[in-house]
Amino acid sequence: MSRAKGGKGTPATVAATKAKIDFTLHAYEADPDAESYGQAAADALGVPHDRLFKTLLAEVDGNLTVGVVPVSSSLDLKALAAAAGGKKARMADPRDAERATGYVVGGISPLGQRRRLPAVIDASVSALPTVYVSAGRRGLQIELVPADLVRLTGALVAAIARG
């Protein structure tokens, strides 16, 4: 596995490098018209949809919260609210998500966000040898072991995916 050299790259790769974790970057041709950026990324890389995770932002009782689920699933908002200790969740406005994370929709990484937000990663992550998440821009994924993803995001691990 590799590391970003010389502090260059996205905030996600810089955060992973600073934390001294092993990771591999995977570039692909991003389709700007894709219905699902995550599924398109998995298909372009030849990665099973349950190993590539999408980063979604929701408001739990009015507070932005990060949910990370496989692209083969959808985010269960009730489960996210419960895991985050709240009562009600709804998807965040994309502009709020971009402002809070510093990334654009379709390239939001759970790593290196502008503000550290509460995060919950779906429990299915624990059964995988490595996972892929956005490296901070469309067309770039970072592959790392689940324990490093959990540690770097400070996330809780809970069953928040359905489907």
N, C-alpha and C. Protein backbone atom coordinates (compact mmCIF):
# COMPACT_ATOMS: atom_id res chain seq x y z
N MET A 1 0.85 -1.19 0.00
CA MET A 1 0.00 0.00 0.00
C MET A 1 0.89 1.24 0.00
N SER A 2 0.34 2.34 -0.45
CA SER A 2 1.15 3.53 -0.64
C SER A 2 0.69 4.67 0.26
N ARG A 3 1.48 5.68 0.23
CA ARG A 3 1.12 6.90 0.94
C ARG A 3 1.30 8.07 0.01
N ALA A 4 0.51 9.12 0.22
CA ALA A 4 0.69 10.33 -0.58
C ALA A 4 2.04 10.94 -0.21
N LYS A 5 2.76 11.41 -1.18
CA LYS A 5 4.10 11.94 -0.95
C LYS A 5 4.08 13.46 -0.82
N GLY A 6 4.91 13.97 0.08
CA GLY A 6 5.15 15.40 0.15
C GLY A 6 3.97 16.25 0.56
N GLY A 7 2.97 15.66 1.21
CA GLY A 7 1.84 16.44 1.69
C GLY A 7 0.91 16.90 0.58
N LYS A 8 1.12 16.45 -0.66
CA LYS A 8 0.25 16.84 -1.76
C LYS A 8 -0.92 15.88 -1.83
N GLY A 9 -1.98 16.31 -2.47
CA GLY A 9 -3.15 15.46 -2.60
C GLY A 9 -4.37 16.16 -2.05
N THR A 10 -5.36 15.38 -1.74
CA THR A 10 -6.59 15.93 -1.19
C THR A 10 -6.49 15.97 0.33
N PRO A 11 -7.37 16.70 1.00
CA PRO A 11 -7.36 16.67 2.47
C PRO A 11 -7.49 15.24 3.02
N ALA A 12 -8.21 14.38 2.31
CA ALA A 12 -8.36 12.98 2.76
C ALA A 12 -7.03 12.24 2.71
N THR A 13 -6.29 12.38 1.60
CA THR A 13 -5.01 11.67 1.49
C THR A 13 -3.98 12.26 2.44
N VAL A 14 -4.04 13.56 2.64
CA VAL A 14 -3.13 14.21 3.59
C VAL A 14 -3.42 13.70 5.01
N ALA A 15 -4.70 13.59 5.37
CA ALA A 15 -5.06 13.08 6.71
C ALA A 15 -4.58 11.64 6.89
N ALA A 16 -4.75 10.81 5.87
CA ALA A 16 -4.31 9.42 5.96
C ALA A 16 -2.79 9.33 6.07
N THR A 17 -2.09 10.16 5.32
CA THR A 17 -0.63 10.17 5.36
C THR A 17 -0.14 10.63 6.73
N LYS A 18 -0.73 11.72 7.25
CA LYS A 18 -0.35 12.22 8.57
C LYS A 18 -0.55 11.17 9.66
N ALA A 19 -1.61 10.37 9.51
CA ALA A 19 -1.91 9.33 10.50
C ALA A 19 -1.02 8.10 10.33
N LYS A 20 -0.18 8.13 9.28
CA LYS A 20 0.77 7.04 9.01
C LYS A 20 0.08 5.69 8.78
N ILE A 21 -1.05 5.74 8.08
CA ILE A 21 -1.72 4.49 7.76
C ILE A 21 -1.39 4.09 6.32
N ASP A 22 -1.47 2.81 6.07
CA ASP A 22 -1.26 2.31 4.71
C ASP A 22 -2.57 2.45 3.94
N PHE A 23 -2.45 2.89 2.70
CA PHE A 23 -3.62 2.99 1.85
C PHE A 23 -3.18 2.90 0.39
N THR A 24 -4.14 2.65 -0.46
CA THR A 24 -3.90 2.64 -1.89
C THR A 24 -4.90 3.57 -2.56
N LEU A 25 -4.41 4.39 -3.47
CA LEU A 25 -5.29 5.27 -4.23
C LEU A 25 -5.67 4.60 -5.54
N HIS A 26 -6.92 4.76 -5.93
CA HIS A 26 -7.43 4.20 -7.18
C HIS A 26 -8.12 5.32 -7.95
N ALA A 27 -7.55 5.67 -9.10
CA ALA A 27 -8.15 6.69 -9.95
C ALA A 27 -9.01 6.02 -11.01
N TYR A 28 -10.04 6.70 -11.44
CA TYR A 28 -10.93 6.21 -12.49
C TYR A 28 -11.54 7.41 -13.19
N GLU A 29 -12.12 7.16 -14.34
CA GLU A 29 -12.79 8.23 -15.10
C GLU A 29 -14.18 8.43 -14.51
N ALA A 30 -14.40 9.56 -13.86
CA ALA A 30 -15.70 9.84 -13.22
C ALA A 30 -16.71 10.27 -14.28
N ASP A 31 -17.91 9.74 -14.17
CA ASP A 31 -19.00 10.12 -15.07
C ASP A 31 -19.81 11.23 -14.41
N PRO A 32 -19.72 12.46 -14.91
CA PRO A 32 -20.44 13.57 -14.27
C PRO A 32 -21.96 13.42 -14.33
N ASP A 33 -22.45 12.56 -15.22
CA ASP A 33 -23.88 12.37 -15.36
C ASP A 33 -24.39 11.10 -14.67
N ALA A 34 -23.53 10.45 -13.90
CA ALA A 34 -23.92 9.20 -13.24
C ALA A 34 -25.08 9.43 -12.28
N GLU A 35 -26.00 8.49 -12.29
CA GLU A 35 -27.13 8.56 -11.37
C GLU A 35 -26.66 8.33 -9.93
N SER A 36 -25.69 7.42 -9.78
CA SER A 36 -25.10 7.13 -8.48
C SER A 36 -23.59 7.18 -8.63
N TYR A 37 -22.95 8.20 -8.06
CA TYR A 37 -21.49 8.33 -8.17
C TYR A 37 -20.79 7.10 -7.58
N GLY A 38 -21.30 6.59 -6.46
CA GLY A 38 -20.67 5.45 -5.81
C GLY A 38 -20.74 4.19 -6.64
N GLN A 39 -21.91 3.89 -7.19
CA GLN A 39 -22.04 2.69 -8.02
C GLN A 39 -21.21 2.83 -9.29
N ALA A 40 -21.17 4.02 -9.85
CA ALA A 40 -20.36 4.25 -11.05
C ALA A 40 -18.88 4.05 -10.73
N ALA A 41 -18.45 4.51 -9.56
CA ALA A 41 -17.05 4.33 -9.15
C ALA A 41 -16.73 2.85 -8.96
N ALA A 42 -17.62 2.12 -8.29
CA ALA A 42 -17.40 0.68 -8.08
C ALA A 42 -17.32 -0.04 -9.42
N ASP A 43 -18.21 0.29 -10.32
CA ASP A 43 -18.21 -0.35 -11.64
C ASP A 43 -16.93 -0.02 -12.42
N ALA A 44 -16.51 1.24 -12.37
CA ALA A 44 -15.31 1.67 -13.10
C ALA A 44 -14.06 0.97 -12.57
N LEU A 45 -14.05 0.70 -11.26
CA LEU A 45 -12.88 0.07 -10.63
C LEU A 45 -12.99 -1.45 -10.57
N GLY A 46 -14.16 -1.99 -10.91
CA GLY A 46 -14.36 -3.44 -10.82
C GLY A 46 -14.41 -3.93 -9.39
N VAL A 47 -14.94 -3.10 -8.51
CA VAL A 47 -15.02 -3.41 -7.08
C VAL A 47 -16.45 -3.80 -6.74
N PRO A 48 -16.65 -4.87 -5.95
CA PRO A 48 -18.01 -5.22 -5.52
C PRO A 48 -18.67 -4.03 -4.80
N HIS A 49 -19.95 -3.84 -5.06
CA HIS A 49 -20.68 -2.70 -4.49
C HIS A 49 -20.74 -2.71 -2.97
N ASP A 50 -20.51 -3.87 -2.35
CA ASP A 50 -20.55 -3.90 -0.88
C ASP A 50 -19.19 -3.54 -0.26
N ARG A 51 -18.16 -3.33 -1.09
CA ARG A 51 -16.83 -2.94 -0.58
C ARG A 51 -16.52 -1.47 -0.80
N LEU A 52 -17.32 -0.79 -1.63
CA LEU A 52 -17.12 0.63 -1.86
C LEU A 52 -18.22 1.36 -1.09
N PHE A 53 -17.81 2.23 -0.19
CA PHE A 53 -18.74 2.90 0.70
C PHE A 53 -18.93 4.36 0.29
N LYS A 54 -20.18 4.82 0.37
CA LYS A 54 -20.49 6.22 0.06
C LYS A 54 -20.62 6.99 1.36
N THR A 55 -20.31 8.27 1.28
CA THR A 55 -20.36 9.16 2.44
C THR A 55 -21.56 10.08 2.25
N LEU A 56 -22.50 9.99 3.17
CA LEU A 56 -23.72 10.79 3.10
C LEU A 56 -23.83 11.66 4.34
N LEU A 57 -24.39 12.85 4.19
CA LEU A 57 -24.60 13.72 5.33
C LEU A 57 -26.08 13.86 5.60
N ALA A 58 -26.40 13.75 6.87
CA ALA A 58 -27.78 13.90 7.32
C ALA A 58 -27.79 14.87 8.50
N GLU A 59 -28.96 15.39 8.76
CA GLU A 59 -29.15 16.19 9.97
C GLU A 59 -29.85 15.31 10.98
N VAL A 60 -29.20 15.09 12.11
CA VAL A 60 -29.81 14.34 13.20
C VAL A 60 -30.15 15.35 14.28
N ASP A 61 -31.44 15.52 14.51
CA ASP A 61 -31.94 16.53 15.46
C ASP A 61 -31.29 17.89 15.19
N GLY A 62 -31.12 18.21 13.89
CA GLY A 62 -30.59 19.51 13.50
C GLY A 62 -29.08 19.59 13.40
N ASN A 63 -28.36 18.52 13.78
CA ASN A 63 -26.89 18.53 13.73
C ASN A 63 -26.39 17.66 12.58
N LEU A 64 -25.46 18.19 11.79
CA LEU A 64 -24.91 17.42 10.69
C LEU A 64 -24.18 16.19 11.21
N THR A 65 -24.46 15.07 10.59
CA THR A 65 -23.88 13.78 10.96
C THR A 65 -23.52 13.04 9.69
N VAL A 66 -22.38 12.37 9.71
CA VAL A 66 -21.89 11.62 8.56
C VAL A 66 -22.35 10.17 8.68
N GLY A 67 -22.93 9.64 7.61
CA GLY A 67 -23.28 8.22 7.54
C GLY A 67 -22.49 7.61 6.40
N VAL A 68 -21.82 6.49 6.65
CA VAL A 68 -21.00 5.83 5.63
C VAL A 68 -21.54 4.42 5.44
N VAL A 69 -22.07 4.15 4.25
CA VAL A 69 -22.72 2.88 3.95
C VAL A 69 -22.24 2.34 2.59
N PRO A 70 -22.35 1.03 2.38
CA PRO A 70 -21.97 0.48 1.08
C PRO A 70 -22.84 1.07 -0.03
N VAL A 71 -22.28 1.22 -1.23
CA VAL A 71 -23.06 1.76 -2.33
C VAL A 71 -24.17 0.81 -2.76
N SER A 72 -24.10 -0.44 -2.31
CA SER A 72 -25.15 -1.41 -2.61
C SER A 72 -26.38 -1.21 -1.73
N SER A 73 -26.28 -0.32 -0.76
CA SER A 73 -27.35 -0.09 0.22
C SER A 73 -27.79 1.36 0.21
N SER A 74 -28.81 1.63 1.00
CA SER A 74 -29.20 3.01 1.25
C SER A 74 -29.06 3.27 2.74
N LEU A 75 -29.01 4.53 3.09
CA LEU A 75 -28.87 4.93 4.49
C LEU A 75 -30.23 4.84 5.17
N ASP A 76 -30.28 4.11 6.27
CA ASP A 76 -31.49 4.01 7.09
C ASP A 76 -31.46 5.18 8.07
N LEU A 77 -32.25 6.20 7.79
CA LEU A 77 -32.21 7.43 8.60
C LEU A 77 -32.62 7.19 10.05
N LYS A 78 -33.58 6.31 10.28
CA LYS A 78 -33.98 6.01 11.66
C LYS A 78 -32.84 5.35 12.42
N ALA A 79 -32.16 4.42 11.76
CA ALA A 79 -31.03 3.73 12.41
C ALA A 79 -29.88 4.70 12.66
N LEU A 80 -29.64 5.62 11.72
CA LEU A 80 -28.59 6.63 11.92
C LEU A 80 -28.93 7.51 13.11
N ALA A 81 -30.17 7.97 13.19
CA ALA A 81 -30.57 8.82 14.31
C ALA A 81 -30.36 8.08 15.63
N ALA A 82 -30.79 6.83 15.69
CA ALA A 82 -30.64 6.05 16.92
C ALA A 82 -29.17 5.88 17.28
N ALA A 83 -28.33 5.55 16.28
CA ALA A 83 -26.90 5.33 16.54
C ALA A 83 -26.23 6.62 17.02
N ALA A 84 -26.70 7.76 16.50
CA ALA A 84 -26.11 9.05 16.87
C ALA A 84 -26.73 9.62 18.15
N GLY A 85 -27.64 8.88 18.76
CA GLY A 85 -28.25 9.33 20.00
C GLY A 85 -29.34 10.37 19.80
N GLY A 86 -29.91 10.39 18.61
CA GLY A 86 -30.95 11.37 18.32
C GLY A 86 -32.29 10.72 18.07
N LYS A 87 -33.27 11.55 17.76
CA LYS A 87 -34.62 11.05 17.53
C LYS A 87 -34.99 11.05 16.05
N LYS A 88 -34.58 12.09 15.32
CA LYS A 88 -35.03 12.23 13.94
C LYS A 88 -33.87 12.62 13.03
N ALA A 89 -33.86 12.02 11.83
CA ALA A 89 -32.82 12.36 10.86
C ALA A 89 -33.45 12.60 9.50
N ARG A 90 -32.83 13.49 8.75
CA ARG A 90 -33.22 13.71 7.36
C ARG A 90 -31.94 14.03 6.60
N MET A 91 -31.97 13.77 5.31
CA MET A 91 -30.79 14.05 4.50
C MET A 91 -30.48 15.55 4.55
N ALA A 92 -29.20 15.87 4.61
CA ALA A 92 -28.78 17.28 4.64
C ALA A 92 -28.87 17.89 3.26
N ASP A 93 -29.04 19.18 3.22
CA ASP A 93 -29.01 19.91 1.96
C ASP A 93 -27.59 19.75 1.38
N PRO A 94 -27.48 19.42 0.09
CA PRO A 94 -26.16 19.23 -0.51
C PRO A 94 -25.21 20.43 -0.32
N ARG A 95 -25.73 21.64 -0.36
CA ARG A 95 -24.88 22.83 -0.15
C ARG A 95 -24.32 22.85 1.26
N ASP A 96 -25.14 22.46 2.25
CA ASP A 96 -24.65 22.39 3.64
C ASP A 96 -23.58 21.32 3.78
N ALA A 97 -23.79 20.19 3.10
CA ALA A 97 -22.81 19.10 3.14
C ALA A 97 -21.48 19.56 2.55
N GLU A 98 -21.53 20.26 1.42
CA GLU A 98 -20.31 20.73 0.79
C GLU A 98 -19.60 21.77 1.65
N ARG A 99 -20.37 22.68 2.23
CA ARG A 99 -19.79 23.73 3.08
C ARG A 99 -19.11 23.13 4.31
N ALA A 100 -19.77 22.17 4.95
CA ALA A 100 -19.24 21.59 6.19
C ALA A 100 -18.02 20.70 5.96
N THR A 101 -18.02 19.98 4.83
CA THR A 101 -16.94 19.02 4.60
C THR A 101 -15.78 19.59 3.78
N GLY A 102 -16.06 20.59 2.95
CA GLY A 102 -15.03 21.11 2.06
C GLY A 102 -14.90 20.31 0.78
N TYR A 103 -15.80 19.37 0.55
CA TYR A 103 -15.79 18.54 -0.64
C TYR A 103 -17.06 18.78 -1.45
N VAL A 104 -17.02 18.37 -2.74
CA VAL A 104 -18.21 18.47 -3.58
C VAL A 104 -18.99 17.16 -3.53
N VAL A 105 -20.29 17.25 -3.68
CA VAL A 105 -21.14 16.07 -3.72
C VAL A 105 -20.61 15.13 -4.81
N GLY A 106 -20.55 13.87 -4.49
CA GLY A 106 -19.97 12.89 -5.41
C GLY A 106 -18.50 12.66 -5.13
N GLY A 107 -17.91 13.51 -4.30
CA GLY A 107 -16.51 13.38 -3.93
C GLY A 107 -16.29 13.61 -2.45
N ILE A 108 -17.38 13.54 -1.67
CA ILE A 108 -17.26 13.77 -0.22
C ILE A 108 -16.60 12.55 0.41
N SER A 109 -15.50 12.80 1.09
CA SER A 109 -14.78 11.74 1.79
C SER A 109 -15.10 11.81 3.27
N PRO A 110 -15.11 10.66 3.96
CA PRO A 110 -15.27 10.70 5.41
C PRO A 110 -13.98 11.17 6.09
N LEU A 111 -12.88 11.22 5.34
CA LEU A 111 -11.57 11.61 5.86
C LEU A 111 -11.24 13.05 5.52
N GLY A 112 -10.57 13.75 6.42
CA GLY A 112 -10.05 15.08 6.12
C GLY A 112 -11.10 16.14 5.89
N GLN A 113 -12.25 16.00 6.52
CA GLN A 113 -13.30 17.00 6.34
C GLN A 113 -12.91 18.31 7.03
N ARG A 114 -13.45 19.39 6.51
CA ARG A 114 -13.15 20.72 7.04
C ARG A 114 -13.46 20.80 8.54
N ARG A 115 -14.62 20.28 8.92
CA ARG A 115 -15.02 20.22 10.33
C ARG A 115 -15.21 18.75 10.68
N ARG A 116 -14.71 18.33 11.83
CA ARG A 116 -14.92 16.94 12.25
C ARG A 116 -16.36 16.80 12.75
N LEU A 117 -17.14 16.05 12.01
CA LEU A 117 -18.54 15.85 12.34
C LEU A 117 -18.72 14.47 12.96
N PRO A 118 -19.76 14.29 13.76
CA PRO A 118 -20.04 12.93 14.26
C PRO A 118 -20.25 12.00 13.07
N ALA A 119 -19.73 10.80 13.16
CA ALA A 119 -19.81 9.86 12.04
C ALA A 119 -20.22 8.48 12.52
N VAL A 120 -20.98 7.79 11.65
CA VAL A 120 -21.39 6.41 11.90
C VAL A 120 -21.11 5.64 10.62
N ILE A 121 -20.41 4.52 10.76
CA ILE A 121 -20.10 3.66 9.62
C ILE A 121 -20.90 2.38 9.78
N ASP A 122 -21.48 1.90 8.68
CA ASP A 122 -22.28 0.69 8.74
C ASP A 122 -21.46 -0.49 9.24
N ALA A 123 -22.10 -1.32 10.05
CA ALA A 123 -21.44 -2.47 10.69
C ALA A 123 -20.88 -3.48 9.69
N SER A 124 -21.38 -3.50 8.46
CA SER A 124 -20.87 -4.44 7.47
C SER A 124 -19.38 -4.21 7.18
N VAL A 125 -18.87 -3.03 7.52
CA VAL A 125 -17.46 -2.71 7.28
C VAL A 125 -16.54 -3.68 8.02
N SER A 126 -16.98 -4.16 9.17
CA SER A 126 -16.12 -4.99 10.02
C SER A 126 -15.77 -6.33 9.40
N ALA A 127 -16.57 -6.82 8.47
CA ALA A 127 -16.34 -8.14 7.86
C ALA A 127 -15.43 -8.09 6.64
N LEU A 128 -14.99 -6.89 6.26
CA LEU A 128 -14.24 -6.73 5.01
C LEU A 128 -12.74 -6.56 5.28
N PRO A 129 -11.89 -7.11 4.38
CA PRO A 129 -10.44 -6.95 4.57
C PRO A 129 -9.99 -5.51 4.32
N THR A 130 -10.54 -4.89 3.27
CA THR A 130 -10.30 -3.48 2.98
C THR A 130 -11.59 -2.90 2.42
N VAL A 131 -11.70 -1.58 2.49
CA VAL A 131 -12.85 -0.88 1.93
C VAL A 131 -12.35 0.31 1.11
N TYR A 132 -13.22 0.78 0.24
CA TYR A 132 -12.94 1.93 -0.59
C TYR A 132 -13.89 3.04 -0.18
N VAL A 133 -13.36 4.25 -0.02
CA VAL A 133 -14.18 5.44 0.19
C VAL A 133 -13.60 6.55 -0.69
N SER A 134 -14.38 7.58 -0.90
CA SER A 134 -13.89 8.68 -1.71
C SER A 134 -12.62 9.25 -1.10
N ALA A 135 -11.67 9.57 -1.97
CA ALA A 135 -10.42 10.18 -1.52
C ALA A 135 -10.51 11.71 -1.56
N GLY A 136 -11.71 12.23 -1.77
CA GLY A 136 -11.90 13.68 -1.69
C GLY A 136 -12.17 14.38 -2.99
N ARG A 137 -12.27 13.61 -4.06
CA ARG A 137 -12.70 14.20 -5.34
C ARG A 137 -13.28 13.10 -6.20
N ARG A 138 -14.16 13.50 -7.10
CA ARG A 138 -14.71 12.54 -8.05
C ARG A 138 -13.56 11.96 -8.87
N GLY A 139 -13.58 10.65 -9.07
CA GLY A 139 -12.54 10.03 -9.86
C GLY A 139 -11.37 9.50 -9.04
N LEU A 140 -11.48 9.53 -7.71
CA LEU A 140 -10.39 9.04 -6.86
C LEU A 140 -10.96 8.38 -5.60
N GLN A 141 -10.59 7.12 -5.41
CA GLN A 141 -11.00 6.37 -4.22
C GLN A 141 -9.76 5.99 -3.43
N ILE A 142 -9.92 5.89 -2.12
CA ILE A 142 -8.84 5.45 -1.25
C ILE A 142 -9.25 4.11 -0.65
N GLU A 143 -8.37 3.14 -0.72
CA GLU A 143 -8.61 1.80 -0.16
C GLU A 143 -7.79 1.69 1.13
N LEU A 144 -8.45 1.29 2.20
CA LEU A 144 -7.79 1.15 3.49
C LEU A 144 -8.49 0.07 4.31
N VAL A 145 -7.85 -0.33 5.40
CA VAL A 145 -8.48 -1.34 6.24
C VAL A 145 -9.55 -0.66 7.10
N PRO A 146 -10.64 -1.38 7.39
CA PRO A 146 -11.75 -0.78 8.13
C PRO A 146 -11.35 -0.17 9.48
N ALA A 147 -10.45 -0.81 10.20
CA ALA A 147 -10.06 -0.27 11.51
C ALA A 147 -9.44 1.12 11.37
N ASP A 148 -8.67 1.35 10.31
CA ASP A 148 -8.08 2.68 10.10
C ASP A 148 -9.16 3.70 9.74
N LEU A 149 -10.13 3.29 8.93
CA LEU A 149 -11.23 4.19 8.58
C LEU A 149 -11.98 4.61 9.84
N VAL A 150 -12.29 3.65 10.68
CA VAL A 150 -13.02 3.94 11.92
C VAL A 150 -12.19 4.87 12.82
N ARG A 151 -10.91 4.56 12.96
CA ARG A 151 -10.04 5.36 13.83
C ARG A 151 -9.89 6.79 13.32
N LEU A 152 -9.66 6.94 12.02
CA LEU A 152 -9.43 8.27 11.46
C LEU A 152 -10.67 9.16 11.48
N THR A 153 -11.85 8.55 11.42
CA THR A 153 -13.08 9.34 11.43
C THR A 153 -13.64 9.50 12.84
N GLY A 154 -13.14 8.70 13.78
CA GLY A 154 -13.71 8.71 15.14
C GLY A 154 -15.13 8.21 15.15
N ALA A 155 -15.46 7.37 14.17
CA ALA A 155 -16.85 6.94 13.96
C ALA A 155 -17.29 5.84 14.91
N LEU A 156 -18.59 5.81 15.10
CA LEU A 156 -19.25 4.66 15.72
C LEU A 156 -19.50 3.66 14.60
N VAL A 157 -19.58 2.39 14.94
CA VAL A 157 -19.92 1.36 13.96
C VAL A 157 -21.28 0.80 14.39
N ALA A 158 -22.26 0.89 13.50
CA ALA A 158 -23.62 0.44 13.81
C ALA A 158 -24.32 0.06 12.52
N ALA A 159 -25.36 -0.73 12.63
CA ALA A 159 -26.15 -1.16 11.46
C ALA A 159 -27.02 0.02 11.00
N ILE A 160 -26.54 0.73 9.97
CA ILE A 160 -27.27 1.91 9.48
C ILE A 160 -27.63 1.79 8.00
N ALA A 161 -27.32 0.64 7.39
CA ALA A 161 -27.63 0.44 5.96
C ALA A 161 -28.85 -0.45 5.82
N ARG A 162 -29.58 -0.24 4.74
CA ARG A 162 -30.68 -1.16 4.42
C ARG A 162 -30.68 -1.40 2.92
N GLY A 163 -31.23 -2.56 2.57
CA GLY A 163 -31.36 -2.87 1.16
C GLY A 163 -30.30 -3.74 0.61
